[in-house]
PDB file of N, CA and C in Angstrom:
ATOM      1  N   MET A   1      94.822 117.197 -32.418  1.00  0.00           N
ATOM      2  CA  MET A   1      93.470 116.860 -31.999  1.00  0.00           C
ATOM      3  C   MET A   1      93.459 115.377 -31.620  1.00  0.00           C
ATOM      4  N   SER A   2      92.739 115.047 -30.569  1.00  0.00           N
ATOM      5  CA  SER A   2      92.686 113.666 -30.105  1.00  0.00           C
ATOM      6  C   SER A   2      91.960 112.766 -31.106  1.00  0.00           C
ATOM      7  N   HIS A   3      92.256 111.483 -31.004  1.00  0.00           N
ATOM      8  CA  HIS A   3      91.624 110.494 -31.881  1.00  0.00           C
ATOM      9  C   HIS A   3      90.100 110.540 -31.715  1.00  0.00           C
ATOM     10  N   ALA A   4      89.633 110.572 -30.463  1.00  0.00           N
ATOM     11  CA  ALA A   4      88.185 110.582 -30.191  1.00  0.00           C
ATOM     12  C   ALA A   4      87.520 111.828 -30.784  1.00  0.00           C
ATOM     13  N   LYS A   5      88.163 112.972 -30.621  1.00  0.00           N
ATOM     14  CA  LYS A   5      87.593 114.213 -31.150  1.00  0.00           C
ATOM     15  C   LYS A   5      87.568 114.189 -32.677  1.00  0.00           C
ATOM     16  N   SER A   6      88.634 113.652 -33.285  1.00  0.00           N
ATOM     17  CA  SER A   6      88.674 113.543 -34.741  1.00  0.00           C
ATOM     18  C   SER A   6      87.545 112.649 -35.236  1.00  0.00           C
ATOM     19  N   LEU A   7      87.326 111.525 -34.560  1.00  0.00           N
ATOM     20  CA  LEU A   7      86.253 110.612 -34.958  1.00  0.00           C
ATOM     21  C   LEU A   7      84.883 111.265 -34.810  1.00  0.00           C
ATOM     22  N   ARG A   8      84.707 112.061 -33.749  1.00  0.00           N
ATOM     23  CA  ARG A   8      83.425 112.762 -33.554  1.00  0.00           C
ATOM     24  C   ARG A   8      83.178 113.738 -34.699  1.00  0.00           C
ATOM     25  N   VAL A   9      84.195 114.508 -35.049  1.00  0.00           N
ATOM     26  CA  VAL A   9      84.060 115.498 -36.124  1.00  0.00           C
ATOM     27  C   VAL A   9      83.763 114.808 -37.451  1.00  0.00           C
ATOM     28  N   ILE A  10      84.491 113.748 -37.760  1.00  0.00           N
ATOM     29  CA  ILE A  10      84.258 113.016 -39.003  1.00  0.00           C
ATOM     30  C   ILE A  10      82.853 112.409 -38.998  1.00  0.00           C
ATOM     31  N   GLY A  11      82.432 111.865 -37.860  1.00  0.00           N
ATOM     32  CA  GLY A  11      81.084 111.295 -37.759  1.00  0.00           C
ATOM     33  C   GLY A  11      80.001 112.329 -37.988  1.00  0.00           C
ATOM     34  N   GLN A  12      80.177 113.528 -37.437  1.00  0.00           N
ATOM     35  CA  GLN A  12      79.200 114.588 -37.655  1.00  0.00           C
ATOM     36  C   GLN A  12      79.156 114.985 -39.125  1.00  0.00           C
ATOM     37  N   PHE A  13      80.316 115.035 -39.764  1.00  0.00           N
ATOM     38  CA  PHE A  13      80.384 115.337 -41.188  1.00  0.00           C
ATOM     39  C   PHE A  13      79.630 114.281 -41.993  1.00  0.00           C
ATOM     40  N   LEU A  14      79.863 113.010 -41.669  1.00  0.00           N
ATOM     41  CA  LEU A  14      79.208 111.923 -42.402  1.00  0.00           C
ATOM     42  C   LEU A  14      77.700 111.969 -42.218  1.00  0.00           C
ATOM     43  N   ASP A  15      77.258 112.376 -41.032  1.00  0.00           N
ATOM     44  CA  ASP A  15      75.827 112.503 -40.773  1.00  0.00           C
ATOM     45  C   ASP A  15      75.230 113.617 -41.634  1.00  0.00           C
ATOM     46  N   ILE A  16      75.873 114.763 -41.662  1.00  0.00           N
ATOM     47  CA  ILE A  16      75.397 115.899 -42.460  1.00  0.00           C
ATOM     48  C   ILE A  16      75.410 115.552 -43.948  1.00  0.00           C
ATOM     49  N   ALA A  17      76.460 114.853 -44.380  1.00  0.00           N
ATOM     50  CA  ALA A  17      76.599 114.516 -45.796  1.00  0.00           C
ATOM     51  C   ALA A  17      75.779 113.296 -46.193  1.00  0.00           C
ATOM     52  N   SER A  18      75.088 112.688 -45.226  1.00  0.00           N
ATOM     53  CA  SER A  18      74.224 111.522 -45.476  1.00  0.00           C
ATOM     54  C   SER A  18      74.953 110.372 -46.162  1.00  0.00           C
ATOM     55  N   VAL A  19      76.122 110.032 -45.606  1.00  0.00           N
ATOM     56  CA  VAL A  19      76.871 108.884 -46.112  1.00  0.00           C
ATOM     57  C   VAL A  19      76.411 107.675 -45.291  1.00  0.00           C
ATOM     58  N   PRO A  20      75.663 106.734 -45.913  1.00  0.00           N
ATOM     59  CA  PRO A  20      75.045 105.650 -45.153  1.00  0.00           C
ATOM     60  C   PRO A  20      75.992 104.536 -44.724  1.00  0.00           C
ATOM     61  N   SER A  21      77.017 104.253 -45.511  1.00  0.00           N
ATOM     62  CA  SER A  21      77.942 103.189 -45.135  1.00  0.00           C
ATOM     63  C   SER A  21      79.348 103.576 -45.572  1.00  0.00           C
ATOM     64  N   PHE A  22      80.320 103.178 -44.769  1.00  0.00           N
ATOM     65  CA  PHE A  22      81.692 103.581 -45.045  1.00  0.00           C
ATOM     66  C   PHE A  22      82.658 102.723 -44.237  1.00  0.00           C
ATOM     67  N   GLU A  23      83.920 102.805 -44.596  1.00  0.00           N
ATOM     68  CA  GLU A  23      85.020 102.256 -43.827  1.00  0.00           C
ATOM     69  C   GLU A  23      85.972 103.404 -43.562  1.00  0.00           C
ATOM     70  N   LEU A  24      86.458 103.487 -42.343  1.00  0.00           N
ATOM     71  CA  LEU A  24      87.360 104.566 -41.968  1.00  0.00           C
ATOM     72  C   LEU A  24      88.616 103.958 -41.385  1.00  0.00           C
ATOM     73  N   GLU A  25      89.757 104.413 -41.855  1.00  0.00           N
ATOM     74  CA  GLU A  25      91.012 103.940 -41.285  1.00  0.00           C
ATOM     75  C   GLU A  25      91.963 105.109 -41.121  1.00  0.00           C
ATOM     76  N   LYS A  26      92.841 104.978 -40.146  1.00  0.00           N
ATOM     77  CA  LYS A  26      93.850 105.999 -39.915  1.00  0.00           C
ATOM     78  C   LYS A  26      95.131 105.539 -40.578  1.00  0.00           C
ATOM     79  N   GLU A  27      95.766 106.425 -41.312  1.00  0.00           N
ATOM     80  CA  GLU A  27      97.029 106.069 -41.944  1.00  0.00           C
ATOM     81  C   GLU A  27      98.070 105.780 -40.865  1.00  0.00           C
ATOM     82  N   ARG A  28      98.906 104.812 -41.114  1.00  0.00           N
ATOM     83  CA  ARG A  28      99.874 104.365 -40.105  1.00  0.00           C
ATOM     84  C   ARG A  28     100.898 105.422 -39.745  1.00  0.00           C
ATOM     85  N   HIS A  29     101.443 106.094 -40.724  1.00  0.00           N
ATOM     86  CA  HIS A  29     102.535 107.033 -40.466  1.00  0.00           C
ATOM     87  C   HIS A  29     102.132 108.486 -40.647  1.00  0.00           C
ATOM     88  N   ALA A  30     100.843 108.733 -40.628  1.00  0.00           N
ATOM     89  CA  ALA A  30     100.352 110.103 -40.792  1.00  0.00           C
ATOM     90  C   ALA A  30      99.168 110.305 -39.860  1.00  0.00           C
ATOM     91  N   GLN A  31      98.697 111.506 -39.782  1.00  0.00           N
ATOM     92  CA  GLN A  31      97.538 111.834 -38.957  1.00  0.00           C
ATOM     93  C   GLN A  31      96.253 111.853 -39.767  1.00  0.00           C
ATOM     94  N   ASP A  32      96.339 111.443 -41.023  1.00  0.00           N
ATOM     95  CA  ASP A  32      95.178 111.480 -41.914  1.00  0.00           C
ATOM     96  C   ASP A  32      94.271 110.278 -41.683  1.00  0.00           C
ATOM     97  N   TYR A  33      92.985 110.484 -41.948  1.00  0.00           N
ATOM     98  CA  TYR A  33      92.002 109.406 -41.939  1.00  0.00           C
ATOM     99  C   TYR A  33      91.525 109.218 -43.366  1.00  0.00           C
ATOM    100  N   LEU A  34      91.405 107.963 -43.770  1.00  0.00           N
ATOM    101  CA  LEU A  34      90.910 107.647 -45.116  1.00  0.00           C
ATOM    102  C   LEU A  34      89.532 107.040 -45.001  1.00  0.00           C
ATOM    103  N   LEU A  35      88.608 107.609 -45.734  1.00  0.00           N
ATOM    104  CA  LEU A  35      87.239 107.138 -45.736  1.00  0.00           C
ATOM    105  C   LEU A  35      86.959 106.489 -47.083  1.00  0.00           C
ATOM    106  N   ARG A  36      86.472 105.266 -47.046  1.00  0.00           N
ATOM    107  CA  ARG A  36      86.086 104.562 -48.265  1.00  0.00           C
ATOM    108  C   ARG A  36      84.590 104.289 -48.191  1.00  0.00           C
ATOM    109  N   SER A  37      83.928 104.537 -49.308  1.00  0.00           N
ATOM    110  CA  SER A  37      82.497 104.283 -49.343  1.00  0.00           C
ATOM    111  C   SER A  37      82.041 104.132 -50.784  1.00  0.00           C
ATOM    112  N   ASP A  38      81.239 103.105 -51.013  1.00  0.00           N
ATOM    113  CA  ASP A  38      80.638 102.941 -52.338  1.00  0.00           C
ATOM    114  C   ASP A  38      79.538 103.969 -52.555  1.00  0.00           C
ATOM    115  N   SER A  39      79.038 104.548 -51.465  1.00  0.00           N
ATOM    116  CA  SER A  39      77.936 105.497 -51.563  1.00  0.00           C
ATOM    117  C   SER A  39      78.409 106.948 -51.504  1.00  0.00           C
ATOM    118  N   LEU A  40      79.713 107.173 -51.615  1.00  0.00           N
ATOM    119  CA  LEU A  40      80.254 108.523 -51.561  1.00  0.00           C
ATOM    120  C   LEU A  40      79.936 109.248 -52.865  1.00  0.00           C
ATOM    121  N   THR A  41      79.300 110.389 -52.734  1.00  0.00           N
ATOM    122  CA  THR A  41      78.938 111.190 -53.896  1.00  0.00           C
ATOM    123  C   THR A  41      79.755 112.468 -53.898  1.00  0.00           C
ATOM    124  N   LYS A  42      79.484 113.320 -54.828  1.00  0.00           N
ATOM    125  CA  LYS A  42      80.175 114.617 -54.887  1.00  0.00           C
ATOM    126  C   LYS A  42      79.735 115.542 -53.752  1.00  0.00           C
ATOM    127  N   THR A  43      78.583 115.288 -53.132  1.00  0.00           N
ATOM    128  CA  THR A  43      78.096 116.152 -52.058  1.00  0.00           C
ATOM    129  C   THR A  43      79.051 116.192 -50.875  1.00  0.00           C
ATOM    130  N   PRO A  44      79.506 115.036 -50.335  1.00  0.00           N
ATOM    131  CA  PRO A  44      80.457 115.110 -49.222  1.00  0.00           C
ATOM    132  C   PRO A  44      81.738 115.829 -49.603  1.00  0.00           C
ATOM    133  N   GLU A  45      82.203 115.625 -50.824  1.00  0.00           N
ATOM    134  CA  GLU A  45      83.406 116.324 -51.274  1.00  0.00           C
ATOM    135  C   GLU A  45      83.162 117.832 -51.263  1.00  0.00           C
ATOM    136  N   TRP A  46      82.019 118.253 -51.772  1.00  0.00           N
ATOM    137  CA  TRP A  46      81.699 119.684 -51.819  1.00  0.00           C
ATOM    138  C   TRP A  46      81.630 120.259 -50.412  1.00  0.00           C
ATOM    139  N   ILE A  47      80.983 119.535 -49.497  1.00  0.00           N
ATOM    140  CA  ILE A  47      80.862 120.012 -48.117  1.00  0.00           C
ATOM    141  C   ILE A  47      82.245 120.199 -47.509  1.00  0.00           C
ATOM    142  N   LEU A  48      83.116 119.217 -47.695  1.00  0.00           N
ATOM    143  CA  LEU A  48      84.448 119.315 -47.117  1.00  0.00           C
ATOM    144  C   LEU A  48      85.254 120.436 -47.761  1.00  0.00           C
ATOM    145  N   ARG A  49      85.120 120.595 -49.061  1.00  0.00           N
ATOM    146  CA  ARG A  49      85.860 121.660 -49.744  1.00  0.00           C
ATOM    147  C   ARG A  49      85.430 123.045 -49.270  1.00  0.00           C
ATOM    148  N   HIS A  50      84.166 123.186 -48.894  1.00  0.00           N
ATOM    149  CA  HIS A  50      83.655 124.505 -48.522  1.00  0.00           C
ATOM    150  C   HIS A  50      83.536 124.698 -47.013  1.00  0.00           C
ATOM    151  N   ALA A  51      84.051 123.751 -46.254  1.00  0.00           N
ATOM    152  CA  ALA A  51      84.011 123.862 -44.796  1.00  0.00           C
ATOM    153  C   ALA A  51      85.272 124.571 -44.322  1.00  0.00           C
ATOM    154  N   HIS A  52      85.291 125.864 -44.482  1.00  0.00           N
ATOM    155  CA  HIS A  52      86.431 126.648 -44.035  1.00  0.00           C
ATOM    156  C   HIS A  52      85.947 128.001 -43.562  1.00  0.00           C
ATOM    157  N   ASP A  53      86.821 128.668 -42.853  1.00  0.00           N
ATOM    158  CA  ASP A  53      86.470 129.998 -42.374  1.00  0.00           C
ATOM    159  C   ASP A  53      86.192 130.907 -43.560  1.00  0.00           C
ATOM    160  N   GLU A  54      85.271 131.811 -43.379  1.00  0.00           N
ATOM    161  CA  GLU A  54      84.881 132.708 -44.466  1.00  0.00           C
ATOM    162  C   GLU A  54      86.062 133.502 -45.008  1.00  0.00           C
ATOM    163  N   ASN A  55      87.041 133.813 -44.161  1.00  0.00           N
ATOM    164  CA  ASN A  55      88.180 134.609 -44.589  1.00  0.00           C
ATOM    165  C   ASN A  55      89.334 133.763 -45.105  1.00  0.00           C
ATOM    166  N   ASP A  56      89.236 132.448 -45.001  1.00  0.00           N
ATOM    167  CA  ASP A  56      90.293 131.562 -45.473  1.00  0.00           C
ATOM    168  C   ASP A  56      90.147 131.331 -46.966  1.00  0.00           C
ATOM    169  N   PHE A  57      91.274 131.118 -47.597  1.00  0.00           N
ATOM    170  CA  PHE A  57      91.270 130.700 -48.990  1.00  0.00           C
ATOM    171  C   PHE A  57      92.076 129.414 -49.063  1.00  0.00           C
ATOM    172  N   ILE A  58      91.501 128.386 -49.634  1.00  0.00           N
ATOM    173  CA  ILE A  58      92.171 127.105 -49.750  1.00  0.00           C
ATOM    174  C   ILE A  58      92.456 126.881 -51.222  1.00  0.00           C
ATOM    175  N   GLU A  59      93.707 126.690 -51.539  1.00  0.00           N
ATOM    176  CA  GLU A  59      94.052 126.436 -52.930  1.00  0.00           C
ATOM    177  C   GLU A  59      93.417 125.143 -53.392  1.00  0.00           C
ATOM    178  N   GLU A  60      92.994 125.132 -54.635  1.00  0.00           N
ATOM    179  CA  GLU A  60      92.326 123.957 -55.193  1.00  0.00           C
ATOM    180  C   GLU A  60      93.179 122.701 -55.020  1.00  0.00           C
ATOM    181  N   SER A  61      94.490 122.818 -55.231  1.00  0.00           N
ATOM    182  CA  SER A  61      95.356 121.647 -55.148  1.00  0.00           C
ATOM    183  C   SER A  61      95.498 121.140 -53.721  1.00  0.00           C
ATOM    184  N   ALA A  62      95.225 121.976 -52.728  1.00  0.00           N
ATOM    185  CA  ALA A  62      95.360 121.578 -51.333  1.00  0.00           C
ATOM    186  C   ALA A  62      94.079 120.976 -50.773  1.00  0.00           C
ATOM    187  N   ARG A  63      93.022 121.026 -51.532  1.00  0.00           N
ATOM    188  CA  ARG A  63      91.738 120.516 -51.046  1.00  0.00           C
ATOM    189  C   ARG A  63      91.668 119.006 -51.190  1.00  0.00           C
ATOM    190  N   PRO A  64      91.017 118.348 -50.232  1.00  0.00           N
ATOM    191  CA  PRO A  64      90.863 116.902 -50.344  1.00  0.00           C
ATOM    192  C   PRO A  64      89.938 116.553 -51.505  1.00  0.00           C
ATOM    193  N   VAL A  65      90.170 115.433 -52.105  1.00  0.00           N
ATOM    194  CA  VAL A  65      89.400 115.042 -53.281  1.00  0.00           C
ATOM    195  C   VAL A  65      88.806 113.658 -53.074  1.00  0.00           C
ATOM    196  N   ALA A  66      87.547 113.525 -53.413  1.00  0.00           N
ATOM    197  CA  ALA A  66      86.899 112.217 -53.416  1.00  0.00           C
ATOM    198  C   ALA A  66      87.183 111.584 -54.765  1.00  0.00           C
ATOM    199  N   ASP A  67      87.769 110.409 -54.747  1.00  0.00           N
ATOM    200  CA  ASP A  67      88.101 109.730 -55.986  1.00  0.00           C
ATOM    201  C   ASP A  67      87.867 108.247 -55.795  1.00  0.00           C
ATOM    202  N   ASP A  68      87.020 107.678 -56.614  1.00  0.00           N
ATOM    203  CA  ASP A  68      86.715 106.246 -56.526  1.00  0.00           C
ATOM    204  C   ASP A  68      86.275 105.842 -55.127  1.00  0.00           C
ATOM    205  N   GLY A  69      85.436 106.644 -54.506  1.00  0.00           N
ATOM    206  CA  GLY A  69      84.912 106.309 -53.191  1.00  0.00           C
ATOM    207  C   GLY A  69      85.896 106.520 -52.066  1.00  0.00           C
ATOM    208  N   LEU A  70      86.945 107.317 -52.267  1.00  0.00           N
ATOM    209  CA  LEU A  70      87.957 107.570 -51.240  1.00  0.00           C
ATOM    210  C   LEU A  70      88.001 109.054 -50.915  1.00  0.00           C
ATOM    211  N   LEU A  71      87.986 109.364 -49.638  1.00  0.00           N
ATOM    212  CA  LEU A  71      88.072 110.755 -49.191  1.00  0.00           C
ATOM    213  C   LEU A  71      89.084 110.817 -48.060  1.00  0.00           C
ATOM    214  N   ARG A  72      90.012 111.749 -48.137  1.00  0.00           N
ATOM    215  CA  ARG A  72      91.063 111.910 -47.136  1.00  0.00           C
ATOM    216  C   ARG A  72      90.704 113.077 -46.216  1.00  0.00           C
ATOM    217  N   PHE A  73      90.808 112.827 -44.910  1.00  0.00           N
ATOM    218  CA  PHE A  73      90.623 113.869 -43.901  1.00  0.00           C
ATOM    219  C   PHE A  73      91.978 114.140 -43.264  1.00  0.00           C
ATOM    220  N   THR A  74      92.541 115.302 -43.525  1.00  0.00           N
ATOM    221  CA  THR A  74      93.801 115.684 -42.900  1.00  0.00           C
ATOM    222  C   THR A  74      93.488 116.376 -41.576  1.00  0.00           C
ATOM    223  N   PRO A  75      94.485 116.555 -40.706  1.00  0.00           N
ATOM    224  CA  PRO A  75      94.239 117.302 -39.471  1.00  0.00           C
ATOM    225  C   PRO A  75      93.684 118.708 -39.732  1.00  0.00           C
ATOM    226  N   ILE A  76      94.114 119.327 -40.816  1.00  0.00           N
ATOM    227  CA  ILE A  76      93.599 120.661 -41.165  1.00  0.00           C
ATOM    228  C   ILE A  76      92.119 120.574 -41.524  1.00  0.00           C
ATOM    229  N   ASP A  77      91.734 119.552 -42.302  1.00  0.00           N
ATOM    230  CA  ASP A  77      90.326 119.368 -42.660  1.00  0.00           C
ATOM    231  C   ASP A  77      89.476 119.173 -41.409  1.00  0.00           C
ATOM    232  N   ILE A  78      89.961 118.350 -40.501  1.00  0.00           N
ATOM    233  CA  ILE A  78      89.216 118.039 -39.283  1.00  0.00           C
ATOM    234  C   ILE A  78      89.062 119.287 -38.417  1.00  0.00           C
ATOM    235  N   SER A  79      90.136 120.058 -38.284  1.00  0.00           N
ATOM    236  CA  SER A  79      90.060 121.311 -37.514  1.00  0.00           C
ATOM    237  C   SER A  79      89.092 122.287 -38.153  1.00  0.00           C
ATOM    238  N   ARG A  80      89.103 122.357 -39.471  1.00  0.00           N
ATOM    239  CA  ARG A  80      88.208 123.249 -40.207  1.00  0.00           C
ATOM    240  C   ARG A  80      86.753 122.844 -39.980  1.00  0.00           C
ATOM    241  N   LEU A  81      86.485 121.542 -40.065  1.00  0.00           N
ATOM    242  CA  LEU A  81      85.122 121.061 -39.837  1.00  0.00           C
ATOM    243  C   LEU A  81      84.688 121.321 -38.402  1.00  0.00           C
ATOM    244  N   GLU A  82      85.605 121.150 -37.443  1.00  0.00           N
ATOM    245  CA  GLU A  82      85.289 121.411 -36.037  1.00  0.00           C
ATOM    246  C   GLU A  82      84.975 122.891 -35.825  1.00  0.00           C
ATOM    247  N   SER A  83      85.763 123.770 -36.412  1.00  0.00           N
ATOM    248  CA  SER A  83      85.525 125.218 -36.288  1.00  0.00           C
ATOM    249  C   SER A  83      84.174 125.598 -36.878  1.00  0.00           C
ATOM    250  N   GLN A  84      83.860 125.041 -38.022  1.00  0.00           N
ATOM    251  CA  GLN A  84      82.577 125.328 -38.654  1.00  0.00           C
ATOM    252  C   GLN A  84      81.433 124.857 -37.763  1.00  0.00           C
ATOM    253  N   GLY A  85      81.563 123.666 -37.194  1.00  0.00           N
ATOM    254  CA  GLY A  85      80.531 123.142 -36.301  1.00  0.00           C
ATOM    255  C   GLY A  85      80.357 123.997 -35.063  1.00  0.00           C
ATOM    256  N   GLN A  86      81.468 124.474 -34.498  1.00  0.00           N
ATOM    257  CA  GLN A  86      81.394 125.336 -33.322  1.00  0.00           C
ATOM    258  C   GLN A  86      80.665 126.634 -33.640  1.00  0.00           C
ATOM    259  N   ARG A  87      80.971 127.221 -34.806  1.00  0.00           N
ATOM    260  CA  ARG A  87      80.288 128.458 -35.194  1.00  0.00           C
ATOM    261  C   ARG A  87      78.786 128.235 -35.330  1.00  0.00           C
ATOM    262  N   LYS A  88      78.407 127.120 -35.943  1.00  0.00           N
ATOM    263  CA  LYS A  88      76.984 126.825 -36.120  1.00  0.00           C
ATOM    264  C   LYS A  88      76.300 126.597 -34.776  1.00  0.00           C
ATOM    265  N   ARG A  89      76.977 125.891 -33.858  1.00  0.00           N
ATOM    266  CA  ARG A  89      76.381 125.640 -32.548  1.00  0.00           C
ATOM    267  C   ARG A  89      76.234 126.945 -31.770  1.00  0.00           C
ATOM    268  N   ARG A  90      77.228 127.836 -31.859  1.00  0.00           N
ATOM    269  CA  ARG A  90      77.137 129.136 -31.180  1.00  0.00           C
ATOM    270  C   ARG A  90      76.001 129.973 -31.750  1.00  0.00           C
ATOM    271  N   ALA A  91      75.877 129.988 -33.060  1.00  0.00           N
ATOM    272  CA  ALA A  91      74.810 130.757 -33.703  1.00  0.00           C
ATOM    273  C   ALA A  91      73.443 130.194 -33.311  1.00  0.00           C
ATOM    274  N   HIS A  92      73.327 128.879 -33.270  1.00  0.00           N
ATOM    275  CA  HIS A  92      72.068 128.249 -32.892  1.00  0.00           C
ATOM    276  C   HIS A  92      71.734 128.547 -31.431  1.00  0.00           C
ATOM    277  N   SER A  93      72.748 128.465 -30.569  1.00  0.00           N
ATOM    278  CA  SER A  93      72.543 128.753 -29.146  1.00  0.00           C
ATOM    279  C   SER A  93      72.166 130.220 -28.938  1.00  0.00           C
ATOM    280  N   SER A  94      72.814 131.097 -29.666  1.00  0.00           N
ATOM    281  CA  SER A  94      72.519 132.529 -29.567  1.00  0.00           C
ATOM    282  C   SER A  94      71.109 132.819 -30.036  1.00  0.00           C
ATOM    283  N   ALA A  95      70.687 132.181 -31.108  1.00  0.00           N
ATOM    284  CA  ALA A  95      69.332 132.377 -31.634  1.00  0.00           C
ATOM    285  C   ALA A  95      68.286 131.895 -30.635  1.00  0.00           C
ATOM    286  N   GLN A  96      68.556 130.791 -29.949  1.00  0.00           N
ATOM    287  CA  GLN A  96      67.613 130.271 -28.959  1.00  0.00           C
ATOM    288  C   GLN A  96      67.533 131.186 -27.734  1.00  0.00           C
ATOM    289  N   THR A  97      68.659 131.787 -27.374  1.00  0.00           N
ATOM    290  CA  THR A  97      68.694 132.693 -26.222  1.00  0.00           C
ATOM    291  C   THR A  97      67.892 133.957 -26.488  1.00  0.00           C
ATOM    292  N   GLN A  98      67.881 134.412 -27.731  1.00  0.00           N
ATOM    293  CA  GLN A  98      67.189 135.642 -28.085  1.00  0.00           C
ATOM    294  C   GLN A  98      65.683 135.457 -28.179  1.00  0.00           C
ATOM    295  N   VAL A  99      65.218 134.233 -28.239  1.00  0.00           N
ATOM    296  CA  VAL A  99      63.775 133.976 -28.380  1.00  0.00           C
ATOM    297  C   VAL A  99      63.053 134.170 -27.099  1.00  0.00           C
TER     298      VAL A  99
END
């Protein structure tokens, strides 16, 4: 996924999770993004943990964890969030078409 698309997906997540201030950096030798925030609560962690396809199962140990204001977004997390957003946009568009 492109850098711009990853940033868009992470930004949409932060908007939904109501994270007011943060620092975001990309790891040098990985595709992961690290988010630091003093205002990070358990809500963003919960949203990210449950942002997966209904038929997918994510092992607890493989899920990203918010710890001391740090949240890791892996390429898999970003793709999962993008897929979830696409499904919601399609459902919303379909609902508007039926009205």
